[in-house]
Amino acid sequence: METEALFFKFSALKVIQWLYNRGFDLPHCTDEKSARILLIELADIPLPGNVLEKPTIGSEVLNLIHSFCHRVIRFLAIKSGIDRSALSEYLVPLHLGFYVYASIRGDFVLGGLQAVFESELNSLLSDVVHFESRCPLDPGCSKSGGSCMACLHLGEPSCRLWNTFLTRQVLFGTEGYFRLPNTTNSRFS
């Protein structure tokens, strides 16, 4: 299938800082390369359907990437003019990234993703980070895991993990990724 896609990738140093803030004791890293190698070595990414007794480095990384991906898809659909059900994900958690691509089902606007990349990328990322983070179904949604059809879930054909490993808490909670300071903690720089 020929289509267009956007790839989003996290900073390994920021992810390690985020994991450290969430209680994981990780070795000191000074650069992106050593941080990426460390995460590849330590992150055992769970498979769809796995139920874990407690969070692991791999499950937290997957939660972060998957939750961020779904939030991006929701905003990208608006900015690109592509129906949300026509956008799909391809997660590459060990590379701290994901692809969003236009699938062949639904209404597909060729060039919609490229247009966002060329002229709306800054606005898209700003909306993903700063736009409303609450769910219309709160407090119920938050109490039951922090993801539902109103905030993070996508249609099943669009989501490769069947809407598991999702929560707004990894992005916006008290120890959420978007709560990190803009400068990297000296422990990791």
Protein backbone atom coordinates (compact mmCIF):
# COMPACT_ATOMS: atom_id res chain seq x y z
CA MET A 1 0.00 0.00 0.00
CA GLU A 2 1.33 3.43 -0.87
CA THR A 3 0.42 6.18 1.56
CA GLU A 4 1.92 9.02 3.53
CA ALA A 5 3.08 8.91 7.13
CA LEU A 6 4.61 11.03 9.86
CA PHE A 7 7.16 9.68 12.33
CA PHE A 8 7.35 11.05 15.87
CA LYS A 9 10.32 10.25 18.13
CA PHE A 10 10.98 11.03 21.80
CA SER A 11 14.27 12.17 23.30
CA ALA A 12 15.81 9.21 25.16
CA LEU A 13 17.28 11.51 27.81
CA LYS A 14 13.85 13.01 28.50
CA VAL A 15 12.24 9.56 28.67
CA ILE A 16 14.90 8.38 31.13
CA GLN A 17 14.36 11.52 33.24
CA TRP A 18 10.60 10.86 33.15
CA LEU A 19 11.11 7.23 34.20
CA TYR A 20 13.43 8.33 37.00
CA ASN A 21 10.77 10.79 38.23
CA ARG A 22 8.27 7.90 38.21
CA GLY A 23 10.44 5.88 40.62
CA PHE A 24 12.64 3.76 38.35
CA ASP A 25 16.30 3.73 39.43
CA LEU A 26 18.26 4.10 36.21
CA PRO A 27 22.00 4.50 35.60
CA HIS A 28 23.42 7.90 34.74
CA CYS A 29 23.32 8.87 31.04
CA THR A 30 24.99 11.89 29.46
CA ASP A 31 24.00 11.68 25.80
CA GLU A 32 21.19 10.47 23.54
CA LYS A 33 23.10 7.47 22.22
CA SER A 34 23.90 5.98 25.63
CA ALA A 35 20.34 6.74 26.82
CA ARG A 36 18.83 4.93 23.81
CA ILE A 37 21.10 1.93 24.31
CA LEU A 38 20.15 1.79 27.99
CA LEU A 39 16.43 1.85 27.20
CA ILE A 40 16.79 -0.86 24.56
CA GLU A 41 18.60 -3.04 27.11
CA LEU A 42 16.16 -2.41 30.00
CA ALA A 43 12.76 -2.05 28.34
CA ASP A 44 10.97 -5.35 27.91
CA ILE A 45 7.93 -4.21 25.90
CA PRO A 46 4.80 -6.14 26.86
CA LEU A 47 2.68 -7.80 24.19
CA PRO A 48 -0.96 -6.84 23.56
CA GLY A 49 -3.17 -8.49 26.14
CA ASN A 50 -0.42 -8.90 28.74
CA VAL A 51 -1.62 -8.09 32.25
CA LEU A 52 1.17 -6.88 34.49
CA GLU A 53 1.18 -6.97 38.29
CA LYS A 54 3.16 -3.72 38.47
CA PRO A 55 4.50 -1.23 35.93
CA THR A 56 7.83 -2.02 34.28
CA ILE A 57 10.16 0.19 32.30
CA GLY A 58 8.85 -1.44 29.12
CA SER A 59 5.19 -1.02 30.04
CA GLU A 60 5.70 2.62 31.02
CA VAL A 61 7.52 3.37 27.75
CA LEU A 62 4.73 1.66 25.82
CA ASN A 63 2.07 3.58 27.78
CA LEU A 64 3.83 6.87 27.04
CA ILE A 65 4.31 6.26 23.33
CA HIS A 66 0.87 4.76 22.78
CA SER A 67 -0.98 7.47 24.74
CA PHE A 68 0.93 10.23 22.97
CA CYS A 69 0.25 8.56 19.60
CA HIS A 70 -3.50 8.46 20.19
CA ARG A 71 -3.51 12.10 21.27
CA VAL A 72 -1.56 13.04 18.12
CA ILE A 73 -4.00 11.11 15.91
CA ARG A 74 -6.99 12.93 17.41
CA PHE A 75 -5.46 16.36 16.72
CA LEU A 76 -3.90 15.34 13.40
CA ALA A 77 -7.30 14.28 12.05
CA ILE A 78 -8.61 17.80 12.63
CA LYS A 79 -5.61 19.59 11.14
CA SER A 80 -5.16 17.30 8.12
CA GLY A 81 -8.79 16.95 7.10
CA ILE A 82 -8.47 13.17 7.26
CA ASP A 83 -11.16 11.26 9.12
CA ARG A 84 -9.80 9.87 12.42
CA SER A 85 -10.82 6.34 11.39
CA ALA A 86 -8.64 6.68 8.28
CA LEU A 87 -5.49 7.28 10.36
CA SER A 88 -3.60 4.35 11.86
CA GLU A 89 -0.61 3.83 14.10
CA TYR A 90 2.55 1.82 13.85
CA LEU A 91 4.38 1.81 17.18
CA VAL A 92 8.15 1.30 17.49
CA PRO A 93 8.56 1.60 21.27
CA LEU A 94 12.17 0.46 21.47
CA HIS A 95 13.00 3.35 19.15
CA LEU A 96 10.83 5.63 21.31
CA GLY A 97 8.61 6.50 18.41
CA PHE A 98 5.58 5.85 16.30
CA TYR A 99 4.28 6.38 12.79
CA VAL A 100 0.88 7.81 12.00
CA TYR A 101 -0.19 6.91 8.49
CA ALA A 102 -3.24 7.35 6.32
CA SER A 103 -4.87 3.97 5.74
CA ILE A 104 -6.90 2.97 2.72
CA ARG A 105 -10.20 2.76 4.60
CA GLY A 106 -12.39 5.81 4.99
CA ASP A 107 -11.91 9.20 3.40
CA PHE A 108 -8.28 9.76 2.56
CA VAL A 109 -6.94 13.18 1.63
CA LEU A 110 -3.67 12.69 -0.24
CA GLY A 111 -1.23 15.32 0.94
CA GLY A 112 -3.12 16.04 4.17
CA LEU A 113 -0.31 14.77 6.40
CA GLN A 114 2.32 16.47 4.27
CA ALA A 115 0.46 19.78 4.49
CA VAL A 116 0.36 19.52 8.29
CA PHE A 117 4.08 18.68 8.36
CA GLU A 118 4.96 21.62 6.13
CA SER A 119 2.77 24.32 7.62
CA GLU A 120 0.99 23.21 10.83
CA LEU A 121 3.47 20.97 12.69
CA ASN A 122 4.27 23.53 15.39
CA SER A 123 0.56 24.21 15.93
CA LEU A 124 -0.19 20.47 16.04
CA LEU A 125 2.46 19.75 18.67
CA SER A 126 1.44 22.78 20.71
CA ASP A 127 -2.19 21.58 20.73
CA VAL A 128 -1.16 18.04 21.70
CA VAL A 129 0.82 19.35 24.68
CA HIS A 130 -1.24 22.35 25.79
CA PHE A 131 -4.86 21.77 24.71
CA GLU A 132 -7.46 20.46 27.15
CA SER A 133 -6.13 17.41 28.97
CA ARG A 134 -9.26 16.51 30.92
CA CYS A 135 -11.82 14.03 29.65
CA PRO A 136 -15.48 15.02 29.24
CA LEU A 137 -16.31 11.87 31.20
CA ASP A 138 -14.16 12.72 34.23
CA PRO A 139 -14.07 11.86 37.06
CA GLY A 140 -15.34 8.47 35.91
CA CYS A 141 -12.74 8.10 33.17
CA SER A 142 -9.84 9.00 35.49
CA LYS A 143 -11.03 6.59 38.16
CA SER A 144 -11.26 3.73 35.67
CA GLY A 145 -7.81 4.11 34.12
CA GLY A 146 -7.73 7.47 32.36
CA SER A 147 -8.65 6.50 28.82
CA CYS A 148 -12.00 6.06 27.10
CA MET A 149 -13.79 6.76 23.81
CA ALA A 150 -14.14 10.43 24.74
CA CYS A 151 -10.42 11.10 25.29
CA LEU A 152 -7.90 8.54 23.98
CA HIS A 153 -9.53 5.48 22.42
CA LEU A 154 -9.51 5.06 18.66
CA GLY A 155 -11.55 2.74 16.47
CA GLU A 156 -10.22 -0.81 16.64
CA PRO A 157 -8.90 -0.91 13.04
CA SER A 158 -6.73 2.14 13.79
CA CYS A 159 -5.19 0.83 17.02
CA ARG A 160 -2.77 -2.08 16.91
CA LEU A 161 -2.97 -2.68 20.68
CA TRP A 162 -6.78 -2.72 20.95
CA ASN A 163 -6.81 0.45 23.09
CA THR A 164 -4.68 -1.06 25.86
CA PHE A 165 -1.61 0.52 27.43
CA LEU A 166 -3.27 3.95 27.34
CA THR A 167 -3.74 6.56 30.03
CA ARG A 168 -3.75 10.34 30.19
CA GLN A 169 -1.82 10.08 33.48
CA VAL A 170 1.49 9.32 31.71
CA LEU A 171 1.13 12.58 29.81
CA PHE A 172 -0.64 14.95 32.20
CA GLY A 173 -0.56 13.38 35.68
CA THR A 174 1.52 14.73 38.55
CA GLU A 175 4.51 12.75 37.22
CA GLY A 176 3.42 13.02 33.59
CA TYR A 177 5.75 13.50 30.67
CA PHE A 178 4.44 17.00 29.96
CA ARG A 179 5.23 18.01 33.57
CA LEU A 180 8.99 17.61 32.98
CA PRO A 181 10.94 20.85 33.12
CA ASN A 182 12.07 22.23 29.76
CA THR A 183 15.70 21.69 30.64
CA THR A 184 17.04 18.22 31.27
CA ASN A 185 17.80 17.41 34.91
CA SER A 186 21.52 17.63 35.61
CA ARG A 187 21.50 13.94 36.60
CA PHE A 188 20.99 13.09 32.90
CA SER A 189 22.91 15.80 31.08
